[in-house]
Amino acid sequence: MKITTCIAIFTAAFCASVFANPLTIDQVKFSNAWVKKPMPGMAMTAGFVDIKNLSGKDLKLVAVRTSVSKVAELHTMVMVDKVMQMRQIIDGWVIAPGQTLTLAPGGNHAMLMGIDADLKNKADVELEFNIEGIGWILVPAAVQAPNL
């Protein structure tokens, strides 16, 4: 077997296992990562994930980025005068030891704006999350329609 064939098989097996399993990086565990398949004509969508703090100290999620959008921001939903509004989170979110921060539809999320027009045709993408004191962590995410 050629070396290039071996590398291709290893890479495919590695990528498949990363997408199938939660990603644990020493002090933090990422699971259930996905990006909402964009609606036709939309230039924005959102990313979601569960982030569990495995350390004995507070961790702080401070930023998100991805190659499939020009802008990626941390956002939350708040009620203002009986109207739900989306707000950018500037200072990030603290995750207490043993706790999980959930980014989910209708709540905290990664807002992706200026998305790649081909995103709707992809099965998966990569999101990167910046945990203060740890740095950027690459997290594979499935591209899927939301469960209604």
N, C-alpha and C. Protein backbone atom coordinates (compact mmCIF):
# COMPACT_ATOMS: atom_id res chain seq x y z
N MET A 1 0.85 -1.18 0.00
CA MET A 1 0.00 0.00 0.00
C MET A 1 0.90 1.24 0.00
N LYS A 2 0.55 2.19 -0.85
CA LYS A 2 1.33 3.42 -0.94
C LYS A 2 1.18 4.25 0.33
N ILE A 3 2.20 5.03 0.63
CA ILE A 3 2.18 5.90 1.81
C ILE A 3 1.05 6.91 1.72
N THR A 4 0.78 7.45 0.53
CA THR A 4 -0.31 8.43 0.40
C THR A 4 -1.66 7.80 0.68
N THR A 5 -1.84 6.53 0.29
CA THR A 5 -3.08 5.82 0.58
C THR A 5 -3.23 5.62 2.08
N CYS A 6 -2.14 5.25 2.75
CA CYS A 6 -2.17 5.06 4.21
C CYS A 6 -2.53 6.37 4.92
N ILE A 7 -1.95 7.46 4.47
CA ILE A 7 -2.23 8.76 5.07
C ILE A 7 -3.69 9.13 4.86
N ALA A 8 -4.21 8.91 3.67
CA ALA A 8 -5.62 9.22 3.38
C ALA A 8 -6.56 8.40 4.25
N ILE A 9 -6.26 7.12 4.42
CA ILE A 9 -7.10 6.25 5.26
C ILE A 9 -7.03 6.70 6.71
N PHE A 10 -5.84 7.00 7.21
CA PHE A 10 -5.70 7.46 8.58
C PHE A 10 -6.45 8.77 8.80
N THR A 11 -6.29 9.71 7.86
CA THR A 11 -6.96 11.00 7.99
C THR A 11 -8.47 10.84 8.00
N ALA A 12 -9.01 10.02 7.11
CA ALA A 12 -10.46 9.80 7.06
C ALA A 12 -10.96 9.15 8.35
N ALA A 13 -10.23 8.18 8.86
CA ALA A 13 -10.62 7.52 10.11
C ALA A 13 -10.55 8.49 11.28
N PHE A 14 -9.50 9.32 11.32
CA PHE A 14 -9.36 10.29 12.40
C PHE A 14 -10.50 11.30 12.37
N CYS A 15 -10.78 11.86 11.20
CA CYS A 15 -11.85 12.85 11.08
C CYS A 15 -13.20 12.25 11.44
N ALA A 16 -13.47 11.04 11.02
CA ALA A 16 -14.74 10.39 11.35
C ALA A 16 -14.87 10.20 12.85
N SER A 17 -13.78 9.83 13.52
CA SER A 17 -13.87 9.62 14.97
C SER A 17 -14.04 10.95 15.71
N VAL A 18 -13.45 12.03 15.21
CA VAL A 18 -13.59 13.33 15.85
C VAL A 18 -15.04 13.80 15.76
N PHE A 19 -15.68 13.63 14.59
CA PHE A 19 -17.06 14.08 14.43
C PHE A 19 -18.02 13.20 15.22
N ALA A 20 -17.70 11.93 15.42
CA ALA A 20 -18.60 11.02 16.10
C ALA A 20 -18.54 11.15 17.61
N ASN A 21 -17.45 11.64 18.14
CA ASN A 21 -17.25 11.66 19.59
C ASN A 21 -17.08 13.09 20.10
N PRO A 22 -17.40 13.29 21.38
CA PRO A 22 -17.13 14.60 21.98
C PRO A 22 -15.63 14.89 21.95
N LEU A 23 -15.29 16.15 21.89
CA LEU A 23 -13.90 16.57 21.88
C LEU A 23 -13.52 17.05 23.27
N THR A 24 -12.54 16.39 23.88
CA THR A 24 -12.09 16.76 25.21
C THR A 24 -10.66 17.26 25.13
N ILE A 25 -10.44 18.47 25.60
CA ILE A 25 -9.11 19.07 25.64
C ILE A 25 -8.79 19.35 27.10
N ASP A 26 -8.10 18.44 27.75
CA ASP A 26 -7.61 18.61 29.11
C ASP A 26 -8.64 19.20 30.08
N GLN A 27 -8.91 20.49 30.00
CA GLN A 27 -9.76 21.17 30.99
C GLN A 27 -11.19 21.40 30.53
N VAL A 28 -11.47 21.07 29.26
CA VAL A 28 -12.79 21.41 28.71
C VAL A 28 -13.24 20.33 27.73
N LYS A 29 -14.56 20.09 27.71
CA LYS A 29 -15.14 19.09 26.80
C LYS A 29 -16.19 19.76 25.93
N PHE A 30 -16.06 19.59 24.62
CA PHE A 30 -17.02 20.11 23.66
C PHE A 30 -17.84 18.93 23.12
N SER A 31 -19.16 19.08 23.10
CA SER A 31 -20.00 18.03 22.54
C SER A 31 -21.22 18.64 21.85
N ASN A 32 -21.86 17.84 21.02
CA ASN A 32 -23.09 18.25 20.31
C ASN A 32 -22.90 19.51 19.47
N ALA A 33 -21.75 19.66 18.84
CA ALA A 33 -21.49 20.85 18.02
C ALA A 33 -22.17 20.73 16.66
N TRP A 34 -22.90 21.79 16.31
CA TRP A 34 -23.53 21.82 15.00
C TRP A 34 -23.78 23.26 14.56
N VAL A 35 -23.93 23.43 13.25
CA VAL A 35 -24.22 24.72 12.64
C VAL A 35 -25.53 24.56 11.89
N LYS A 36 -26.42 25.52 12.10
CA LYS A 36 -27.72 25.48 11.43
C LYS A 36 -27.54 25.69 9.93
N LYS A 37 -28.11 24.77 9.14
CA LYS A 37 -28.08 24.91 7.69
C LYS A 37 -28.78 26.23 7.34
N PRO A 38 -28.11 27.11 6.60
CA PRO A 38 -28.71 28.42 6.32
C PRO A 38 -29.95 28.31 5.43
N MET A 39 -30.89 29.20 5.69
CA MET A 39 -32.09 29.27 4.86
C MET A 39 -31.71 29.91 3.53
N PRO A 40 -32.42 29.55 2.45
CA PRO A 40 -32.10 30.12 1.13
C PRO A 40 -32.05 31.64 1.16
N GLY A 41 -31.00 32.19 0.57
CA GLY A 41 -30.86 33.64 0.47
C GLY A 41 -30.33 34.32 1.72
N MET A 42 -30.14 33.59 2.80
CA MET A 42 -29.64 34.18 4.04
C MET A 42 -28.11 34.21 4.05
N ALA A 43 -27.56 35.28 4.58
CA ALA A 43 -26.10 35.43 4.68
C ALA A 43 -25.64 35.24 6.11
N MET A 44 -26.51 34.67 6.96
CA MET A 44 -26.13 34.41 8.34
C MET A 44 -26.77 33.13 8.84
N THR A 45 -26.17 32.58 9.86
CA THR A 45 -26.69 31.40 10.53
C THR A 45 -26.09 31.37 11.93
N ALA A 46 -26.25 30.26 12.64
CA ALA A 46 -25.75 30.17 14.01
C ALA A 46 -25.10 28.81 14.26
N GLY A 47 -24.19 28.81 15.22
CA GLY A 47 -23.51 27.59 15.64
C GLY A 47 -23.84 27.31 17.10
N PHE A 48 -23.86 26.01 17.43
CA PHE A 48 -24.27 25.58 18.76
C PHE A 48 -23.33 24.50 19.27
N VAL A 49 -23.21 24.39 20.60
CA VAL A 49 -22.32 23.40 21.20
C VAL A 49 -22.57 23.37 22.70
N ASP A 50 -22.21 22.28 23.33
CA ASP A 50 -22.17 22.18 24.80
C ASP A 50 -20.70 22.22 25.20
N ILE A 51 -20.35 23.09 26.15
CA ILE A 51 -18.97 23.22 26.61
C ILE A 51 -18.95 22.95 28.11
N LYS A 52 -18.30 21.86 28.51
CA LYS A 52 -18.24 21.48 29.92
C LYS A 52 -16.86 21.80 30.49
N ASN A 53 -16.86 22.46 31.65
CA ASN A 53 -15.62 22.80 32.35
C ASN A 53 -15.21 21.59 33.19
N LEU A 54 -14.10 20.96 32.83
CA LEU A 54 -13.58 19.80 33.55
C LEU A 54 -12.53 20.18 34.58
N SER A 55 -12.21 21.46 34.65
CA SER A 55 -11.14 21.91 35.55
C SER A 55 -11.70 22.26 36.93
N GLY A 56 -10.83 22.62 37.82
CA GLY A 56 -11.22 23.03 39.16
C GLY A 56 -11.33 24.53 39.33
N LYS A 57 -11.30 25.27 38.21
CA LYS A 57 -11.39 26.73 38.29
C LYS A 57 -12.36 27.24 37.21
N ASP A 58 -12.80 28.48 37.36
CA ASP A 58 -13.66 29.08 36.34
C ASP A 58 -12.92 29.15 35.01
N LEU A 59 -13.64 28.88 33.93
CA LEU A 59 -13.14 29.09 32.58
C LEU A 59 -14.01 30.14 31.92
N LYS A 60 -13.46 30.85 30.96
CA LYS A 60 -14.23 31.90 30.30
C LYS A 60 -14.13 31.75 28.78
N LEU A 61 -15.29 31.55 28.15
CA LEU A 61 -15.37 31.54 26.69
C LEU A 61 -15.41 32.99 26.24
N VAL A 62 -14.41 33.41 25.43
CA VAL A 62 -14.31 34.82 25.08
C VAL A 62 -14.55 35.13 23.60
N ALA A 63 -14.46 34.13 22.73
CA ALA A 63 -14.63 34.42 21.30
C ALA A 63 -14.88 33.14 20.52
N VAL A 64 -15.36 33.33 19.29
CA VAL A 64 -15.56 32.25 18.34
C VAL A 64 -15.11 32.73 16.98
N ARG A 65 -14.65 31.81 16.14
CA ARG A 65 -14.31 32.14 14.76
C ARG A 65 -14.48 30.89 13.90
N THR A 66 -14.59 31.10 12.60
CA THR A 66 -14.71 29.99 11.66
C THR A 66 -14.33 30.48 10.27
N SER A 67 -13.87 29.59 9.44
CA SER A 67 -13.49 29.96 8.08
C SER A 67 -14.71 30.06 7.16
N VAL A 68 -15.89 29.65 7.62
CA VAL A 68 -17.08 29.67 6.75
C VAL A 68 -17.89 30.97 6.88
N SER A 69 -17.41 31.93 7.67
CA SER A 69 -18.09 33.22 7.74
C SER A 69 -17.07 34.34 7.90
N LYS A 70 -17.46 35.52 7.44
CA LYS A 70 -16.59 36.68 7.56
C LYS A 70 -16.54 37.19 9.00
N VAL A 71 -17.68 37.04 9.71
CA VAL A 71 -17.78 37.51 11.09
C VAL A 71 -18.39 36.40 11.93
N ALA A 72 -17.85 36.19 13.11
CA ALA A 72 -18.41 35.24 14.07
C ALA A 72 -18.39 35.92 15.44
N GLU A 73 -19.54 35.92 16.11
CA GLU A 73 -19.66 36.58 17.41
C GLU A 73 -20.44 35.69 18.37
N LEU A 74 -20.20 35.91 19.66
CA LEU A 74 -21.00 35.26 20.70
C LEU A 74 -22.24 36.11 20.93
N HIS A 75 -23.40 35.48 20.91
CA HIS A 75 -24.67 36.21 21.08
C HIS A 75 -25.55 35.53 22.11
N THR A 76 -26.47 36.31 22.66
CA THR A 76 -27.50 35.79 23.56
C THR A 76 -28.83 36.39 23.16
N MET A 77 -29.89 35.84 23.67
CA MET A 77 -31.24 36.36 23.43
C MET A 77 -31.76 36.96 24.74
N VAL A 78 -32.34 38.17 24.66
CA VAL A 78 -32.89 38.84 25.85
C VAL A 78 -34.27 39.39 25.51
N MET A 79 -35.13 39.45 26.52
CA MET A 79 -36.47 40.01 26.35
C MET A 79 -36.41 41.50 26.65
N VAL A 80 -36.84 42.33 25.69
CA VAL A 80 -36.88 43.78 25.85
C VAL A 80 -38.28 44.24 25.44
N ASP A 81 -39.01 44.80 26.42
CA ASP A 81 -40.37 45.26 26.15
C ASP A 81 -41.22 44.19 25.47
N LYS A 82 -41.16 42.98 25.99
CA LYS A 82 -41.93 41.84 25.50
C LYS A 82 -41.55 41.40 24.08
N VAL A 83 -40.36 41.81 23.66
CA VAL A 83 -39.85 41.41 22.35
C VAL A 83 -38.48 40.76 22.55
N MET A 84 -38.29 39.56 21.99
CA MET A 84 -37.01 38.86 22.10
C MET A 84 -36.02 39.51 21.14
N GLN A 85 -34.85 39.89 21.68
CA GLN A 85 -33.81 40.52 20.88
C GLN A 85 -32.49 39.78 21.05
N MET A 86 -31.70 39.83 19.99
CA MET A 86 -30.39 39.21 20.02
C MET A 86 -29.36 40.27 20.39
N ARG A 87 -28.41 39.91 21.27
CA ARG A 87 -27.36 40.85 21.71
C ARG A 87 -26.00 40.17 21.65
N GLN A 88 -25.01 40.91 21.19
CA GLN A 88 -23.64 40.40 21.19
C GLN A 88 -23.11 40.39 22.62
N ILE A 89 -22.39 39.36 22.97
CA ILE A 89 -21.72 39.25 24.27
C ILE A 89 -20.27 39.69 24.07
N ILE A 90 -19.89 40.77 24.71
CA ILE A 90 -18.54 41.34 24.55
C ILE A 90 -17.54 40.69 25.51
N ASP A 91 -17.97 40.46 26.75
CA ASP A 91 -17.05 39.98 27.78
C ASP A 91 -17.02 38.46 27.92
N GLY A 92 -17.74 37.73 27.10
CA GLY A 92 -17.73 36.28 27.15
C GLY A 92 -18.60 35.73 28.27
N TRP A 93 -18.53 34.42 28.43
CA TRP A 93 -19.30 33.73 29.47
C TRP A 93 -18.36 32.94 30.36
N VAL A 94 -18.59 33.00 31.66
CA VAL A 94 -17.82 32.22 32.62
C VAL A 94 -18.51 30.86 32.78
N ILE A 95 -17.70 29.80 32.78
CA ILE A 95 -18.20 28.45 33.00
C ILE A 95 -17.57 27.97 34.31
N ALA A 96 -18.40 27.77 35.32
CA ALA A 96 -17.91 27.34 36.64
C ALA A 96 -17.43 25.88 36.58
N PRO A 97 -16.55 25.48 37.49
CA PRO A 97 -16.06 24.10 37.52
C PRO A 97 -17.21 23.11 37.55
N GLY A 98 -17.14 22.10 36.67
CA GLY A 98 -18.15 21.06 36.62
C GLY A 98 -19.42 21.44 35.89
N GLN A 99 -19.54 22.71 35.49
CA GLN A 99 -20.76 23.19 34.82
C GLN A 99 -20.61 23.12 33.29
N THR A 100 -21.75 23.17 32.61
CA THR A 100 -21.79 23.14 31.15
C THR A 100 -22.46 24.40 30.63
N LEU A 101 -21.81 25.06 29.69
CA LEU A 101 -22.39 26.19 28.97
C LEU A 101 -23.00 25.61 27.70
N THR A 102 -24.29 25.84 27.51
CA THR A 102 -24.97 25.32 26.33
C THR A 102 -25.28 26.46 25.37
N LEU A 103 -24.78 26.34 24.16
CA LEU A 103 -25.14 27.25 23.08
C LEU A 103 -26.20 26.51 22.27
N ALA A 104 -27.43 27.05 22.23
CA ALA A 104 -28.56 26.34 21.62
C ALA A 104 -29.52 27.33 20.96
N PRO A 105 -30.33 26.85 20.01
CA PRO A 105 -31.31 27.73 19.37
C PRO A 105 -32.21 28.41 20.41
N GLY A 106 -32.44 29.71 20.20
CA GLY A 106 -33.29 30.48 21.09
C GLY A 106 -32.59 31.02 22.33
N GLY A 107 -31.30 30.73 22.46
CA GLY A 107 -30.54 31.18 23.63
C GLY A 107 -29.16 31.64 23.22
N ASN A 108 -28.18 31.34 24.05
CA ASN A 108 -26.79 31.66 23.72
C ASN A 108 -26.39 30.90 22.46
N HIS A 109 -25.61 31.56 21.60
CA HIS A 109 -25.20 30.92 20.36
C HIS A 109 -24.00 31.64 19.74
N ALA A 110 -23.39 31.00 18.75
CA ALA A 110 -22.34 31.62 17.95
C ALA A 110 -23.01 32.14 16.69
N MET A 111 -23.03 33.43 16.51
CA MET A 111 -23.67 34.06 15.34
C MET A 111 -22.65 34.14 14.22
N LEU A 112 -22.97 33.57 13.07
CA LEU A 112 -22.07 33.54 11.91
C LEU A 112 -22.68 34.41 10.82
N MET A 113 -21.97 35.48 10.45
CA MET A 113 -22.49 36.44 9.48
C MET A 113 -21.54 36.58 8.30
N GLY A 114 -22.11 36.80 7.12
CA GLY A 114 -21.30 36.83 5.91
C GLY A 114 -20.82 35.43 5.59
N ILE A 115 -21.76 34.48 5.63
CA ILE A 115 -21.38 33.07 5.48
C ILE A 115 -21.01 32.72 4.05
N ASP A 116 -20.20 31.71 3.93
CA ASP A 116 -19.79 31.14 2.66
C ASP A 116 -21.05 30.63 1.95
N ALA A 117 -21.25 31.03 0.70
CA ALA A 117 -22.45 30.64 -0.06
C ALA A 117 -22.58 29.12 -0.18
N ASP A 118 -21.48 28.40 -0.10
CA ASP A 118 -21.49 26.94 -0.24
C ASP A 118 -21.79 26.21 1.08
N LEU A 119 -21.96 26.95 2.16
CA LEU A 119 -22.18 26.31 3.47
C LEU A 119 -23.37 25.36 3.45
N LYS A 120 -24.43 25.70 2.73
CA LYS A 120 -25.63 24.86 2.70
C LYS A 120 -25.36 23.48 2.11
N ASN A 121 -24.28 23.34 1.35
CA ASN A 121 -23.93 22.07 0.71
C ASN A 121 -22.91 21.25 1.50
N LYS A 122 -22.44 21.79 2.60
CA LYS A 122 -21.43 21.08 3.39
C LYS A 122 -22.09 20.18 4.44
N ALA A 123 -21.42 19.09 4.76
CA ALA A 123 -21.91 18.19 5.81
C ALA A 123 -21.34 18.57 7.16
N ASP A 124 -20.17 19.19 7.14
CA ASP A 124 -19.53 19.57 8.39
C ASP A 124 -18.59 20.75 8.18
N VAL A 125 -18.30 21.43 9.28
CA VAL A 125 -17.41 22.59 9.27
C VAL A 125 -16.60 22.57 10.56
N GLU A 126 -15.75 23.55 10.71
CA GLU A 126 -14.98 23.69 11.95
C GLU A 126 -15.29 25.03 12.59
N LEU A 127 -15.59 25.00 13.87
CA LEU A 127 -15.73 26.20 14.68
C LEU A 127 -14.52 26.24 15.60
N GLU A 128 -14.04 27.43 15.91
CA GLU A 128 -12.95 27.57 16.87
C GLU A 128 -13.44 28.44 18.02
N PHE A 129 -13.23 27.95 19.23
CA PHE A 129 -13.64 28.67 20.42
C PHE A 129 -12.40 29.06 21.21
N ASN A 130 -12.40 30.30 21.71
CA ASN A 130 -11.27 30.81 22.48
C ASN A 130 -11.64 30.79 23.96
N ILE A 131 -10.96 29.95 24.72
CA ILE A 131 -11.12 29.88 26.17
C ILE A 131 -9.95 30.65 26.78
N GLU A 132 -10.28 31.69 27.55
CA GLU A 132 -9.25 32.53 28.17
C GLU A 132 -8.27 31.67 28.95
N GLY A 133 -6.98 31.86 28.70
CA GLY A 133 -5.93 31.12 29.39
C GLY A 133 -5.60 29.78 28.75
N ILE A 134 -6.47 29.30 27.86
CA ILE A 134 -6.21 28.04 27.14
C ILE A 134 -5.89 28.34 25.68
N GLY A 135 -6.68 29.21 25.07
CA GLY A 135 -6.46 29.58 23.67
C GLY A 135 -7.56 29.04 22.76
N TRP A 136 -7.27 29.04 21.47
CA TRP A 136 -8.23 28.62 20.46
C TRP A 136 -8.29 27.10 20.38
N ILE A 137 -9.51 26.57 20.36
CA ILE A 137 -9.73 25.13 20.27
C ILE A 137 -10.63 24.86 19.07
N LEU A 138 -10.15 24.04 18.14
CA LEU A 138 -10.87 23.69 16.93
C LEU A 138 -11.89 22.60 17.25
N VAL A 139 -13.15 22.85 16.90
CA VAL A 139 -14.23 21.91 17.21
C VAL A 139 -14.98 21.58 15.92
N PRO A 140 -14.98 20.31 15.50
CA PRO A 140 -15.76 19.91 14.33
C PRO A 140 -17.25 20.06 14.63
N ALA A 141 -18.02 20.51 13.63
CA ALA A 141 -19.45 20.72 13.81
C ALA A 141 -20.20 20.25 12.58
N ALA A 142 -21.28 19.51 12.78
CA ALA A 142 -22.13 19.06 11.68
C ALA A 142 -22.96 20.23 11.19
N VAL A 143 -23.24 20.28 9.89
CA VAL A 143 -24.17 21.27 9.32
C VAL A 143 -25.49 20.54 9.16
N GLN A 144 -26.53 21.03 9.84
CA GLN A 144 -27.81 20.32 9.81
C GLN A 144 -28.98 21.27 9.99
N ALA A 145 -30.13 20.81 9.55
CA ALA A 145 -31.36 21.54 9.77
C ALA A 145 -31.74 21.39 11.23
N PRO A 146 -32.37 22.40 11.84
CA PRO A 146 -32.76 22.29 13.25
C PRO A 146 -33.87 21.27 13.42
N ASN A 147 -33.88 20.63 14.59
CA ASN A 147 -34.96 19.71 14.94
C ASN A 147 -36.15 20.54 15.38
N LEU A 148 -37.23 20.45 14.65
CA LEU A 148 -38.42 21.24 14.98
C LEU A 148 -39.40 20.43 15.76
